[in-house]
Every structure is written in structure tokens, then in C-alpha cells.
Amino acid sequence: MSKFDNFMKTIGNAAEKAVNEGAKLTDLTATKVKIKAEQARLCERYEELGRVAEQLLRSRDEKPEQIALALDAIDRVNEKISLLEAELAQKKARHQENDEENEGAN
């Protein structure tokens, strides 16, 4: 066998290994993506459960201290979100005004 034939055989073997490794990685990645999708669905279900539980707990007259603290923490986060949403609205309005001024100047 000539050096060229040996070289071509080596290249062919390397290409075959690369294809096999690529297929293996694709297969593994596809399964990992499926796992992440199911984990995201699980998070959504936990979120739904949390919302239902929150409503039930808020409707109770007496709440254990841990639950009251958790509900207060939720309220604080919701307040922060409301403030940030208001800030975002202000920034959007300001940017829109600037864009309109720049368009009028051109």
C-alpha cells in the first residue's frame, strides 16, 4: 500500500470517527434538551401549585408565623416588581420621546 493510500485510509477513519462522535453528541444533546423541557414543565406545575396554595393560605384567618413571613416576602417581591415595571414604562416613554425628537430634527 502506498503512502497516499495509507494517508487516505487514515483520513477516512478519522472522518468516520468524527461522524460517529457527532451522532453520539447529537443524541446526547437531544436527550438533555428533552430533560430540560420536562424540568421547565415541572417548574410551571410547581408555580401553579404555589399560586393555588398562596390563595388558600391568604384566605385563612390564622396563619402560622412561617407562612405569614413567606406571604410577606412574596408581597415585597411583588411590590419590587411593580416599581420596576413602572420604571420600565417611564424609560420606554422617555426613549420614545427622544426617538420622536430625533426624527423631527432630521
PDB file of N, CA and C in Angstrom:
ATOM      1  N   MET A   1       0.843  -1.172   0.000  1.00  0.00           N
ATOM      2  CA  MET A   1       0.000   0.000   0.000  1.00  0.00           C
ATOM      3  C   MET A   1       0.889   1.237   0.000  1.00  0.00           C
ATOM      4  N   SER A   2       0.540   2.212  -0.820  1.00  0.00           N
ATOM      5  CA  SER A   2       1.360   3.409  -0.916  1.00  0.00           C
ATOM      6  C   SER A   2       1.084   4.350   0.236  1.00  0.00           C
ATOM      7  N   LYS A   3       1.968   5.319   0.379  1.00  0.00           N
ATOM      8  CA  LYS A   3       1.793   6.323   1.435  1.00  0.00           C
ATOM      9  C   LYS A   3       0.488   7.082   1.235  1.00  0.00           C
ATOM     10  N   PHE A   4       0.166   7.354  -0.016  1.00  0.00           N
ATOM     11  CA  PHE A   4      -1.074   8.070  -0.295  1.00  0.00           C
ATOM     12  C   PHE A   4      -2.279   7.240   0.123  1.00  0.00           C
ATOM     13  N   ASP A   5      -2.256   5.948  -0.162  1.00  0.00           N
ATOM     14  CA  ASP A   5      -3.361   5.069   0.236  1.00  0.00           C
ATOM     15  C   ASP A   5      -3.488   5.012   1.750  1.00  0.00           C
ATOM     16  N   ASN A   6      -2.353   4.915   2.431  1.00  0.00           N
ATOM     17  CA  ASN A   6      -2.369   4.917   3.899  1.00  0.00           C
ATOM     18  C   ASN A   6      -2.940   6.231   4.430  1.00  0.00           C
ATOM     19  N   PHE A   7      -2.515   7.323   3.794  1.00  0.00           N
ATOM     20  CA  PHE A   7      -2.999   8.642   4.196  1.00  0.00           C
ATOM     21  C   PHE A   7      -4.511   8.737   4.013  1.00  0.00           C
ATOM     22  N   MET A   8      -5.003   8.284   2.875  1.00  0.00           N
ATOM     23  CA  MET A   8      -6.438   8.339   2.592  1.00  0.00           C
ATOM     24  C   MET A   8      -7.220   7.443   3.560  1.00  0.00           C
ATOM     25  N   LYS A   9      -6.642   6.282   3.885  1.00  0.00           N
ATOM     26  CA  LYS A   9      -7.303   5.380   4.826  1.00  0.00           C
ATOM     27  C   LYS A   9      -7.385   6.028   6.205  1.00  0.00           C
ATOM     28  N   THR A  10      -6.293   6.683   6.604  1.00  0.00           N
ATOM     29  CA  THR A  10      -6.261   7.374   7.900  1.00  0.00           C
ATOM     30  C   THR A  10      -7.287   8.501   7.933  1.00  0.00           C
ATOM     31  N   ILE A  11      -7.367   9.255   6.854  1.00  0.00           N
ATOM     32  CA  ILE A  11      -8.346  10.344   6.751  1.00  0.00           C
ATOM     33  C   ILE A  11      -9.758   9.776   6.811  1.00  0.00           C
ATOM     34  N   GLY A  12      -9.988   8.688   6.110  1.00  0.00           N
ATOM     35  CA  GLY A  12     -11.312   8.053   6.108  1.00  0.00           C
ATOM     36  C   GLY A  12     -11.701   7.571   7.496  1.00  0.00           C
ATOM     37  N   ASN A  13     -10.750   6.970   8.203  1.00  0.00           N
ATOM     38  CA  ASN A  13     -11.025   6.507   9.569  1.00  0.00           C
ATOM     39  C   ASN A  13     -11.326   7.687  10.500  1.00  0.00           C
ATOM     40  N   ALA A  14     -10.555   8.756  10.349  1.00  0.00           N
ATOM     41  CA  ALA A  14     -10.770   9.942  11.188  1.00  0.00           C
ATOM     42  C   ALA A  14     -12.136  10.554  10.899  1.00  0.00           C
ATOM     43  N   ALA A  15     -12.500  10.606   9.633  1.00  0.00           N
ATOM     44  CA  ALA A  15     -13.805  11.169   9.268  1.00  0.00           C
ATOM     45  C   ALA A  15     -14.934  10.309   9.825  1.00  0.00           C
ATOM     46  N   GLU A  16     -14.760   8.998   9.756  1.00  0.00           N
ATOM     47  CA  GLU A  16     -15.790   8.106  10.293  1.00  0.00           C
ATOM     48  C   GLU A  16     -15.929   8.273  11.802  1.00  0.00           C
ATOM     49  N   LYS A  17     -14.804   8.399  12.491  1.00  0.00           N
ATOM     50  CA  LYS A  17     -14.849   8.627  13.935  1.00  0.00           C
ATOM     51  C   LYS A  17     -15.543   9.949  14.247  1.00  0.00           C
ATOM     52  N   ALA A  18     -15.225  10.978  13.468  1.00  0.00           N
ATOM     53  CA  ALA A  18     -15.835  12.291  13.690  1.00  0.00           C
ATOM     54  C   ALA A  18     -17.343  12.225  13.499  1.00  0.00           C
ATOM     55  N   VAL A  19     -17.786  11.517  12.473  1.00  0.00           N
ATOM     56  CA  VAL A  19     -19.226  11.371  12.210  1.00  0.00           C
ATOM     57  C   VAL A  19     -19.888  10.621  13.356  1.00  0.00           C
ATOM     58  N   ASN A  20     -19.244   9.547  13.814  1.00  0.00           N
ATOM     59  CA  ASN A  20     -19.806   8.767  14.921  1.00  0.00           C
ATOM     60  C   ASN A  20     -19.872   9.596  16.201  1.00  0.00           C
ATOM     61  N   GLU A  21     -18.832  10.350  16.483  1.00  0.00           N
ATOM     62  CA  GLU A  21     -18.830  11.205  17.675  1.00  0.00           C
ATOM     63  C   GLU A  21     -19.901  12.293  17.561  1.00  0.00           C
ATOM     64  N   GLY A  22     -20.042  12.857  16.353  1.00  0.00           N
ATOM     65  CA  GLY A  22     -21.075  13.871  16.137  1.00  0.00           C
ATOM     66  C   GLY A  22     -22.467  13.315  16.362  1.00  0.00           C
ATOM     67  N   ALA A  23     -22.703  12.109  15.869  1.00  0.00           N
ATOM     68  CA  ALA A  23     -24.010  11.466  16.054  1.00  0.00           C
ATOM     69  C   ALA A  23     -24.263  11.192  17.535  1.00  0.00           C
ATOM     70  N   LYS A  24     -23.216  10.743  18.227  1.00  0.00           N
ATOM     71  CA  LYS A  24     -23.351  10.463  19.661  1.00  0.00           C
ATOM     72  C   LYS A  24     -23.662  11.756  20.428  1.00  0.00           C
ATOM     73  N   LEU A  25     -22.936  12.814  20.117  1.00  0.00           N
ATOM     74  CA  LEU A  25     -23.178  14.095  20.793  1.00  0.00           C
ATOM     75  C   LEU A  25     -24.572  14.633  20.493  1.00  0.00           C
ATOM     76  N   THR A  26     -25.015  14.489  19.250  1.00  0.00           N
ATOM     77  CA  THR A  26     -26.357  14.934  18.880  1.00  0.00           C
ATOM     78  C   THR A  26     -27.411  14.161  19.662  1.00  0.00           C
ATOM     79  N   ASP A  27     -27.226  12.854  19.776  1.00  0.00           N
ATOM     80  CA  ASP A  27     -28.162  12.011  20.508  1.00  0.00           C
ATOM     81  C   ASP A  27     -28.201  12.417  21.984  1.00  0.00           C
ATOM     82  N   LEU A  28     -27.031  12.609  22.580  1.00  0.00           N
ATOM     83  CA  LEU A  28     -26.965  13.004  23.987  1.00  0.00           C
ATOM     84  C   LEU A  28     -27.586  14.380  24.199  1.00  0.00           C
ATOM     85  N   THR A  29     -27.278  15.306  23.299  1.00  0.00           N
ATOM     86  CA  THR A  29     -27.810  16.658  23.424  1.00  0.00           C
ATOM     87  C   THR A  29     -29.322  16.670  23.284  1.00  0.00           C
ATOM     88  N   ALA A  30     -29.848  15.889  22.366  1.00  0.00           N
ATOM     89  CA  ALA A  30     -31.305  15.825  22.187  1.00  0.00           C
ATOM     90  C   ALA A  30     -31.977  15.342  23.463  1.00  0.00           C
ATOM     91  N   THR A  31     -31.389  14.357  24.109  1.00  0.00           N
ATOM     92  CA  THR A  31     -31.969  13.856  25.356  1.00  0.00           C
ATOM     93  C   THR A  31     -31.851  14.895  26.462  1.00  0.00           C
ATOM     94  N   LYS A  32     -30.714  15.602  26.506  1.00  0.00           N
ATOM     95  CA  LYS A  32     -30.550  16.657  27.514  1.00  0.00           C
ATOM     96  C   LYS A  32     -31.587  17.769  27.314  1.00  0.00           C
ATOM     97  N   VAL A  33     -31.872  18.114  26.067  1.00  0.00           N
ATOM     98  CA  VAL A  33     -32.870  19.144  25.775  1.00  0.00           C
ATOM     99  C   VAL A  33     -34.249  18.669  26.232  1.00  0.00           C
ATOM    100  N   LYS A  34     -34.552  17.407  26.008  1.00  0.00           N
ATOM    101  CA  LYS A  34     -35.844  16.861  26.448  1.00  0.00           C
ATOM    102  C   LYS A  34     -35.955  16.913  27.970  1.00  0.00           C
ATOM    103  N   ILE A  35     -34.853  16.599  28.658  1.00  0.00           N
ATOM    104  CA  ILE A  35     -34.854  16.661  30.126  1.00  0.00           C
ATOM    105  C   ILE A  35     -35.109  18.087  30.581  1.00  0.00           C
ATOM    106  N   LYS A  36     -34.421  19.060  29.986  1.00  0.00           N
ATOM    107  CA  LYS A  36     -34.605  20.464  30.370  1.00  0.00           C
ATOM    108  C   LYS A  36     -36.038  20.917  30.110  1.00  0.00           C
ATOM    109  N   ALA A  37     -36.637  20.470  29.016  1.00  0.00           N
ATOM    110  CA  ALA A  37     -38.022  20.838  28.712  1.00  0.00           C
ATOM    111  C   ALA A  37     -38.964  20.287  29.776  1.00  0.00           C
ATOM    112  N   GLU A  38     -38.727  19.054  30.193  1.00  0.00           N
ATOM    113  CA  GLU A  38     -39.577  18.464  31.234  1.00  0.00           C
ATOM    114  C   GLU A  38     -39.355  19.156  32.573  1.00  0.00           C
ATOM    115  N   GLN A  39     -38.118  19.539  32.858  1.00  0.00           N
ATOM    116  CA  GLN A  39     -37.844  20.276  34.094  1.00  0.00           C
ATOM    117  C   GLN A  39     -38.548  21.631  34.074  1.00  0.00           C
ATOM    118  N   ALA A  40     -38.592  22.269  32.916  1.00  0.00           N
ATOM    119  CA  ALA A  40     -39.309  23.545  32.794  1.00  0.00           C
ATOM    120  C   ALA A  40     -40.802  23.334  33.032  1.00  0.00           C
ATOM    121  N   ARG A  41     -41.352  22.242  32.506  1.00  0.00           N
ATOM    122  CA  ARG A  41     -42.768  21.931  32.747  1.00  0.00           C
ATOM    123  C   ARG A  41     -43.017  21.696  34.231  1.00  0.00           C
ATOM    124  N   LEU A  42     -42.087  21.019  34.881  1.00  0.00           N
ATOM    125  CA  LEU A  42     -42.212  20.776  36.312  1.00  0.00           C
ATOM    126  C   LEU A  42     -42.204  22.096  37.081  1.00  0.00           C
ATOM    127  N   CYS A  43     -41.339  23.004  36.700  1.00  0.00           N
ATOM    128  CA  CYS A  43     -41.318  24.325  37.348  1.00  0.00           C
ATOM    129  C   CYS A  43     -42.657  25.037  37.169  1.00  0.00           C
ATOM    130  N   GLU A  44     -43.235  24.919  35.975  1.00  0.00           N
ATOM    131  CA  GLU A  44     -44.544  25.528  35.731  1.00  0.00           C
ATOM    132  C   GLU A  44     -45.608  24.918  36.638  1.00  0.00           C
ATOM    133  N   ARG A  45     -45.576  23.597  36.808  1.00  0.00           N
ATOM    134  CA  ARG A  45     -46.551  22.940  37.685  1.00  0.00           C
ATOM    135  C   ARG A  45     -46.362  23.386  39.130  1.00  0.00           C
ATOM    136  N   TYR A  46     -45.104  23.493  39.576  1.00  0.00           N
ATOM    137  CA  TYR A  46     -44.846  23.983  40.931  1.00  0.00           C
ATOM    138  C   TYR A  46     -45.348  25.418  41.091  1.00  0.00           C
ATOM    139  N   GLU A  47     -45.168  26.218  40.055  1.00  0.00           N
ATOM    140  CA  GLU A  47     -45.637  27.599  40.106  1.00  0.00           C
ATOM    141  C   GLU A  47     -47.161  27.634  40.232  1.00  0.00           C
ATOM    142  N   GLU A  48     -47.841  26.807  39.448  1.00  0.00           N
ATOM    143  CA  GLU A  48     -49.307  26.723  39.554  1.00  0.00           C
ATOM    144  C   GLU A  48     -49.723  26.316  40.965  1.00  0.00           C
ATOM    145  N   LEU A  49     -49.066  25.293  41.488  1.00  0.00           N
ATOM    146  CA  LEU A  49     -49.367  24.827  42.837  1.00  0.00           C
ATOM    147  C   LEU A  49     -49.122  25.929  43.857  1.00  0.00           C
ATOM    148  N   GLY A  50     -48.037  26.654  43.686  1.00  0.00           N
ATOM    149  CA  GLY A  50     -47.720  27.746  44.604  1.00  0.00           C
ATOM    150  C   GLY A  50     -48.780  28.841  44.585  1.00  0.00           C
ATOM    151  N   ARG A  51     -49.281  29.152  43.401  1.00  0.00           N
ATOM    152  CA  ARG A  51     -50.324  30.188  43.309  1.00  0.00           C
ATOM    153  C   ARG A  51     -51.605  29.742  44.010  1.00  0.00           C
ATOM    154  N   VAL A  52     -51.973  28.478  43.798  1.00  0.00           N
ATOM    155  CA  VAL A  52     -53.172  27.951  44.454  1.00  0.00           C
ATOM    156  C   VAL A  52     -52.972  27.936  45.965  1.00  0.00           C
ATOM    157  N   ALA A  53     -51.815  27.470  46.399  1.00  0.00           N
ATOM    158  CA  ALA A  53     -51.528  27.410  47.836  1.00  0.00           C
ATOM    159  C   ALA A  53     -51.524  28.811  48.442  1.00  0.00           C
ATOM    160  N   GLU A  54     -50.960  29.781  47.723  1.00  0.00           N
ATOM    161  CA  GLU A  54     -50.941  31.156  48.229  1.00  0.00           C
ATOM    162  C   GLU A  54     -52.364  31.672  48.438  1.00  0.00           C
ATOM    163  N   GLN A  55     -53.222  31.444  47.465  1.00  0.00           N
ATOM    164  CA  GLN A  55     -54.605  31.898  47.593  1.00  0.00           C
ATOM    165  C   GLN A  55     -55.285  31.247  48.794  1.00  0.00           C
ATOM    166  N   LEU A  56     -55.086  29.966  48.963  1.00  0.00           N
ATOM    167  CA  LEU A  56     -55.681  29.269  50.108  1.00  0.00           C
ATOM    168  C   LEU A  56     -55.135  29.799  51.433  1.00  0.00           C
ATOM    169  N   LEU A  57     -53.838  30.011  51.484  1.00  0.00           N
ATOM    170  CA  LEU A  57     -53.223  30.467  52.730  1.00  0.00           C
ATOM    171  C   LEU A  57     -53.628  31.898  53.070  1.00  0.00           C
ATOM    172  N   ARG A  58     -53.768  32.735  52.063  1.00  0.00           N
ATOM    173  CA  ARG A  58     -54.177  34.123  52.320  1.00  0.00           C
ATOM    174  C   ARG A  58     -55.614  34.188  52.832  1.00  0.00           C
ATOM    175  N   SER A  59     -56.423  33.217  52.428  1.00  0.00           N
ATOM    176  CA  SER A  59     -57.833  33.244  52.835  1.00  0.00           C
ATOM    177  C   SER A  59     -58.030  32.767  54.279  1.00  0.00           C
ATOM    178  N   ARG A  60     -57.040  32.175  54.871  1.00  0.00           N
ATOM    179  CA  ARG A  60     -57.145  31.699  56.246  1.00  0.00           C
ATOM    180  C   ARG A  60     -57.065  32.875  57.208  1.00  0.00           C
ATOM    181  N   ASP A  61     -57.847  32.837  58.258  1.00  0.00           N
ATOM    182  CA  ASP A  61     -57.807  33.894  59.265  1.00  0.00           C
ATOM    183  C   ASP A  61     -56.514  33.837  60.069  1.00  0.00           C
ATOM    184  N   GLU A  62     -56.144  32.642  60.490  1.00  0.00           N
ATOM    185  CA  GLU A  62     -54.918  32.488  61.262  1.00  0.00           C
ATOM    186  C   GLU A  62     -53.879  31.796  60.403  1.00  0.00           C
ATOM    187  N   LYS A  63     -52.675  32.339  60.462  1.00  0.00           N
ATOM    188  CA  LYS A  63     -51.587  31.779  59.672  1.00  0.00           C
ATOM    189  C   LYS A  63     -50.411  31.492  60.594  1.00  0.00           C
ATOM    190  N   PRO A  64     -49.787  30.341  60.465  1.00  0.00           N
ATOM    191  CA  PRO A  64     -48.558  30.109  61.211  1.00  0.00           C
ATOM    192  C   PRO A  64     -47.515  31.158  60.820  1.00  0.00           C
ATOM    193  N   GLU A  65     -46.604  31.438  61.723  1.00  0.00           N
ATOM    194  CA  GLU A  65     -45.628  32.506  61.504  1.00  0.00           C
ATOM    195  C   GLU A  65     -44.817  32.296  60.233  1.00  0.00           C
ATOM    196  N   GLN A  66     -44.388  31.070  59.969  1.00  0.00           N
ATOM    197  CA  GLN A  66     -43.588  30.805  58.772  1.00  0.00           C
ATOM    198  C   GLN A  66     -44.370  31.150  57.506  1.00  0.00           C
ATOM    199  N   ILE A  67     -45.642  30.817  57.498  1.00  0.00           N
ATOM    200  CA  ILE A  67     -46.468  31.119  56.326  1.00  0.00           C
ATOM    201  C   ILE A  67     -46.657  32.623  56.197  1.00  0.00           C
ATOM    202  N   ALA A  68     -46.912  33.297  57.301  1.00  0.00           N
ATOM    203  CA  ALA A  68     -47.078  34.750  57.271  1.00  0.00           C
ATOM    204  C   ALA A  68     -45.808  35.421  56.749  1.00  0.00           C
ATOM    205  N   LEU A  69     -44.651  34.947  57.200  1.00  0.00           N
ATOM    206  CA  LEU A  69     -43.382  35.515  56.730  1.00  0.00           C
ATOM    207  C   LEU A  69     -43.187  35.267  55.236  1.00  0.00           C
ATOM    208  N   ALA A  70     -43.526  34.068  54.786  1.00  0.00           N
ATOM    209  CA  ALA A  70     -43.392  33.750  53.360  1.00  0.00           C
ATOM    210  C   ALA A  70     -44.325  34.616  52.518  1.00  0.00           C
ATOM    211  N   LEU A  71     -45.554  34.818  52.989  1.00  0.00           N
ATOM    212  CA  LEU A  71     -46.502  35.670  52.253  1.00  0.00           C
ATOM    213  C   LEU A  71     -46.024  37.114  52.229  1.00  0.00           C
ATOM    214  N   ASP A  72     -45.449  37.590  53.338  1.00  0.00           N
ATOM    215  CA  ASP A  72     -44.890  38.949  53.363  1.00  0.00           C
ATOM    216  C   ASP A  72     -43.738  39.078  52.364  1.00  0.00           C
ATOM    217  N   ALA A  73     -42.901  38.051  52.293  1.00  0.00           N
ATOM    218  CA  ALA A  73     -41.788  38.075  51.339  1.00  0.00           C
ATOM    219  C   ALA A  73     -42.311  38.129  49.902  1.00  0.00           C
ATOM    220  N   ILE A  74     -43.376  37.387  49.636  1.00  0.00           N
ATOM    221  CA  ILE A  74     -43.998  37.426  48.305  1.00  0.00           C
ATOM    222  C   ILE A  74     -44.519  38.831  48.020  1.00  0.00           C
ATOM    223  N   ASP A  75     -45.155  39.449  49.008  1.00  0.00           N
ATOM    224  CA  ASP A  75     -45.674  40.813  48.832  1.00  0.00           C
ATOM    225  C   ASP A  75     -44.548  41.794  48.524  1.00  0.00           C
ATOM    226  N   ARG A  76     -43.429  41.649  49.229  1.00  0.00           N
ATOM    227  CA  ARG A  76     -42.298  42.559  48.985  1.00  0.00           C
ATOM    228  C   ARG A  76     -41.744  42.387  47.574  1.00  0.00           C
ATOM    229  N   VAL A  77     -41.646  41.147  47.110  1.00  0.00           N
ATOM    230  CA  VAL A  77     -41.160  40.908  45.751  1.00  0.00           C
ATOM    231  C   VAL A  77     -42.145  41.478  44.736  1.00  0.00           C
ATOM    232  N   ASN A  78     -43.435  41.282  44.967  1.00  0.00           N
ATOM    233  CA  ASN A  78     -44.441  41.842  44.056  1.00  0.00           C
ATOM    234  C   ASN A  78     -44.385  43.364  44.027  1.00  0.00           C
ATOM    235  N   GLU A  79     -44.145  43.993  45.165  1.00  0.00           N
ATOM    236  CA  GLU A  79     -44.003  45.454  45.217  1.00  0.00           C
ATOM    237  C   GLU A  79     -42.790  45.892  44.400  1.00  0.00           C
ATOM    238  N   LYS A  80     -41.684  45.172  44.555  1.00  0.00           N
ATOM    239  CA  LYS A  80     -40.468  45.488  43.808  1.00  0.00           C
ATOM    240  C   LYS A  80     -40.717  45.349  42.308  1.00  0.00           C
ATOM    241  N   ILE A  81     -41.421  44.292  41.919  1.00  0.00           N
ATOM    242  CA  ILE A  81     -41.747  44.093  40.501  1.00  0.00           C
ATOM    243  C   ILE A  81     -42.598  45.248  39.992  1.00  0.00           C
ATOM    244  N   SER A  82     -43.571  45.687  40.782  1.00  0.00           N
ATOM    245  CA  SER A  82     -44.426  46.810  40.377  1.00  0.00           C
ATOM    246  C   SER A  82     -43.603  48.075  40.189  1.00  0.00           C
ATOM    247  N   LEU A  83     -42.673  48.336  41.101  1.00  0.00           N
ATOM    248  CA  LEU A  83     -41.813  49.514  40.981  1.00  0.00           C
ATOM    249  C   LEU A  83     -40.941  49.426  39.729  1.00  0.00           C
ATOM    250  N   LEU A  84     -40.387  48.266  39.482  1.00  0.00           N
ATOM    251  CA  LEU A  84     -39.543  48.093  38.301  1.00  0.00           C
ATOM    252  C   LEU A  84     -40.353  48.209  37.013  1.00  0.00           C
ATOM    253  N   GLU A  85     -41.578  47.703  37.018  1.00  0.00           N
ATOM    254  CA  GLU A  85     -42.433  47.837  35.828  1.00  0.00           C
ATOM    255  C   GLU A  85     -42.766  49.300  35.575  1.00  0.00           C
ATOM    256  N   ALA A  86     -43.016  50.069  36.641  1.00  0.00           N
ATOM    257  CA  ALA A  86     -43.281  51.496  36.487  1.00  0.00           C
ATOM    258  C   ALA A  86     -42.041  52.207  35.948  1.00  0.00           C
ATOM    259  N   GLU A  87     -40.879  51.836  36.469  1.00  0.00           N
ATOM    260  CA  GLU A  87     -39.624  52.426  35.990  1.00  0.00           C
ATOM    261  C   GLU A  87     -39.406  52.098  34.516  1.00  0.00           C
ATOM    262  N   LEU A  88     -39.716  50.864  34.133  1.00  0.00           N
ATOM    263  CA  LEU A  88     -39.583  50.463  32.739  1.00  0.00           C
ATOM    264  C   LEU A  88     -40.513  51.269  31.845  1.00  0.00           C
ATOM    265  N   ALA A  89     -41.733  51.470  32.280  1.00  0.00           N
ATOM    266  CA  ALA A  89     -42.696  52.256  31.498  1.00  0.00           C
ATOM    267  C   ALA A  89     -42.199  53.681  31.312  1.00  0.00           C
ATOM    268  N   GLN A  90     -41.639  54.268  32.378  1.00  0.00           N
ATOM    269  CA  GLN A  90     -41.099  55.623  32.286  1.00  0.00           C
ATOM    270  C   GLN A  90     -39.939  55.683  31.300  1.00  0.00           C
ATOM    271  N   LYS A  91     -39.063  54.695  31.383  1.00  0.00           N
ATOM    272  CA  LYS A  91     -37.913  54.667  30.474  1.00  0.00           C
ATOM    273  C   LYS A  91     -38.353  54.498  29.031  1.00  0.00           C
ATOM    274  N   LYS A  92     -39.336  53.632  28.799  1.00  0.00           N
ATOM    275  CA  LYS A  92     -39.844  53.442  27.434  1.00  0.00           C
ATOM    276  C   LYS A  92     -40.420  54.743  26.898  1.00  0.00           C
ATOM    277  N   ALA A  93     -41.186  55.437  27.743  1.00  0.00           N
ATOM    278  CA  ALA A  93     -41.788  56.701  27.323  1.00  0.00           C
ATOM    279  C   ALA A  93     -40.696  57.722  27.006  1.00  0.00           C
ATOM    280  N   ARG A  94     -39.694  57.797  27.854  1.00  0.00           N
ATOM    281  CA  ARG A  94     -38.598  58.751  27.641  1.00  0.00           C
ATOM    282  C   ARG A  94     -37.850  58.425  26.354  1.00  0.00           C
ATOM    283  N   HIS A  95     -37.584  57.143  26.108  1.00  0.00           N
ATOM    284  CA  HIS A  95     -36.894  56.754  24.876  1.00  0.00           C
ATOM    285  C   HIS A  95     -37.744  57.054  23.649  1.00  0.00           C
ATOM    286  N   GLN A  96     -39.046  56.838  23.763  1.00  0.00           N
ATOM    287  CA  GLN A  96     -39.936  57.119  22.643  1.00  0.00           C
ATOM    288  C   GLN A  96     -39.942  58.620  22.348  1.00  0.00           C
ATOM    289  N   GLU A  97     -39.976  59.445  23.402  1.00  0.00           N
ATOM    290  CA  GLU A  97     -39.924  60.897  23.210  1.00  0.00           C
ATOM    291  C   GLU A  97     -38.633  61.295  22.518  1.00  0.00           C
ATOM    292  N   ASN A  98     -37.515  60.725  22.965  1.00  0.00           N
ATOM    293  CA  ASN A  98     -36.213  61.032  22.347  1.00  0.00           C
ATOM    294  C   ASN A  98     -36.189  60.617  20.896  1.00  0.00           C
ATOM    295  N   ASP A  99     -36.750  59.451  20.601  1.00  0.00           N
ATOM    296  CA  ASP A  99     -36.804  58.996  19.217  1.00  0.00           C
ATOM    297  C   ASP A  99     -37.621  59.936  18.360  1.00  0.00           C
ATOM    298  N   GLU A 100     -38.762  60.397  18.881  1.00  0.00           N
ATOM    299  CA  GLU A 100     -39.628  61.312  18.140  1.00  0.00           C
ATOM    300  C   GLU A 100     -38.930  62.653  17.930  1.00  0.00           C
ATOM    301  N   GLU A 101     -38.206  63.136  18.947  1.00  0.00           N
ATOM    302  CA  GLU A 101     -37.451  64.385  18.795  1.00  0.00           C
ATOM    303  C   GLU A 101     -36.364  64.236  17.747  1.00  0.00           C
ATOM    304  N   ASN A 102     -35.677  63.122  17.760  1.00  0.00           N
ATOM    305  CA  ASN A 102     -34.602  62.880  16.783  1.00  0.00           C
ATOM    306  C   ASN A 102     -35.158  62.770  15.369  1.00  0.00           C
ATOM    307  N   GLU A 103     -36.333  62.152  15.242  1.00  0.00           N
ATOM    308  CA  GLU A 103     -36.957  62.047  13.922  1.00  0.00           C
ATOM    309  C   GLU A 103     -37.387  63.430  13.421  1.00  0.00           C
ATOM    310  N   GLY A 104     -37.878  64.257  14.329  1.00  0.00           N
ATOM    311  CA  GLY A 104     -38.304  65.598  13.951  1.00  0.00           C
ATOM    312  C   GLY A 104     -37.131  66.488  13.568  1.00  0.00           C
ATOM    313  N   ALA A 105     -35.967  66.251  14.155  1.00  0.00           N
ATOM    314  CA  ALA A 105     -34.779  67.039  13.868  1.00  0.00           C
ATOM    315  C   ALA A 105     -34.199  66.674  12.516  1.00  0.00           C
ATOM    316  N   ASN A 106     -34.490  65.486  12.041  1.00  0.00           N
ATOM    317  CA  ASN A 106     -33.918  65.040  10.747  1.00  0.00           C
ATOM    318  C   ASN A 106     -34.777  65.437   9.640  1.00  0.00           C
TER     319      ASN A 106
END
